[in-house]
Amino acid sequence: MFPPLEDPESPICSAKGCRLPAVWVLAWNNPKLHTPDRRKTWLACDEHREHLSSFLDMRGFLKDVVRLEDWESEPNGPQAPGN
């Protein structure tokens, strides 16, 4: 199950200094700190999606990138193909 977002009323981008509305959820996990099923989340606007995704992916942390509306609409989070 995916964790709820902190403030679903007005989620904003997680990029430093950005106040734009979030459009994307970046689900990630640091395997040195978290169990394999744990998912932390960052939010991203269209402008910062690639930058934040690359930051997490370079470290091997990025697990999924999902549109915010899809994340919120599925009670157990989006299902990956084959799950």
Protein backbone atom coordinates (compact mmCIF):
# COMPACT_ATOMS: atom_id res chain seq x y z
CA MET A 1 0.00 0.00 0.00
CA PHE A 2 1.29 3.45 -0.88
CA PRO A 3 1.56 6.11 1.85
CA PRO A 4 -0.93 8.98 1.84
CA LEU A 5 0.29 12.39 0.77
CA GLU A 6 0.73 14.96 3.55
CA ASP A 7 -1.71 17.60 2.29
CA PRO A 8 -3.96 16.33 -0.51
CA GLU A 9 -5.75 19.69 -0.64
CA SER A 10 -2.91 21.57 -2.31
CA PRO A 11 0.16 19.44 -2.99
CA ILE A 12 3.15 21.36 -4.32
CA CYS A 13 6.40 20.36 -5.99
CA SER A 14 9.18 19.05 -3.73
CA ALA A 15 11.94 20.85 -5.65
CA LYS A 16 13.74 23.41 -3.51
CA GLY A 17 12.02 26.80 -3.77
CA CYS A 18 9.32 25.60 -6.18
CA ARG A 19 5.73 26.48 -5.30
CA LEU A 20 4.10 25.08 -8.46
CA PRO A 21 1.29 22.53 -8.15
CA ALA A 22 2.42 18.91 -8.09
CA VAL A 23 1.50 16.80 -11.10
CA TRP A 24 3.71 13.75 -10.44
CA VAL A 25 4.48 11.42 -7.53
CA LEU A 26 7.99 9.99 -7.44
CA ALA A 27 8.01 6.87 -5.28
CA TRP A 28 11.42 5.93 -3.95
CA ASN A 29 13.21 3.78 -1.44
CA ASN A 30 16.73 3.86 0.02
CA PRO A 31 17.57 0.15 0.36
CA LYS A 32 20.17 0.91 3.04
CA LEU A 33 17.51 2.47 5.27
CA HIS A 34 14.11 1.08 4.23
CA THR A 35 12.54 -2.34 3.86
CA PRO A 36 11.98 -3.30 0.19
CA ASP A 37 8.23 -2.61 0.31
CA ARG A 38 8.57 0.86 1.91
CA ARG A 39 7.91 3.82 -0.41
CA LYS A 40 8.80 7.41 0.34
CA THR A 41 7.38 10.06 -1.97
CA TRP A 42 8.44 13.30 -3.55
CA LEU A 43 6.05 15.43 -5.56
CA ALA A 44 7.02 17.12 -8.79
CA CYS A 45 5.62 19.70 -11.18
CA ASP A 46 6.10 19.14 -14.92
CA GLU A 47 9.18 21.39 -14.88
CA HIS A 48 11.04 19.49 -12.14
CA ARG A 49 9.91 15.91 -12.83
CA GLU A 50 12.98 14.97 -14.89
CA HIS A 51 15.48 16.60 -12.53
CA LEU A 52 14.06 15.00 -9.38
CA SER A 53 13.64 11.62 -11.11
CA SER A 54 17.26 11.71 -12.32
CA PHE A 55 18.52 12.59 -8.84
CA LEU A 56 16.77 9.57 -7.32
CA ASP A 57 17.52 7.23 -10.23
CA MET A 58 21.28 7.95 -10.18
CA ARG A 59 21.33 6.71 -6.58
CA GLY A 60 19.24 3.63 -7.37
CA PHE A 61 16.35 4.92 -5.24
CA LEU A 62 13.62 5.62 -7.84
CA LYS A 63 10.91 2.95 -7.93
CA ASP A 64 8.02 4.57 -9.80
CA VAL A 65 6.79 7.81 -11.34
CA VAL A 66 3.01 8.18 -11.37
CA ARG A 67 0.62 11.00 -12.19
CA LEU A 68 -0.71 12.49 -8.94
CA GLU A 69 -4.32 11.93 -9.99
CA ASP A 70 -3.63 8.21 -10.57
CA TRP A 71 -1.81 7.89 -7.22
CA GLU A 72 -4.75 9.43 -5.37
CA SER A 73 -7.44 7.49 -7.24
CA GLU A 74 -6.14 3.98 -6.50
CA PRO A 75 -6.56 2.89 -2.86
CA ASN A 76 -3.52 0.56 -2.92
CA GLY A 77 -1.53 2.67 -5.33
CA PRO A 78 -0.95 1.95 -8.99
CA GLN A 79 -0.19 -1.62 -9.95
CA ALA A 80 2.89 -2.31 -12.02
CA PRO A 81 2.52 -4.71 -14.96
CA GLY A 82 2.78 -8.28 -13.76
CA ASN A 83 1.70 -7.51 -10.17
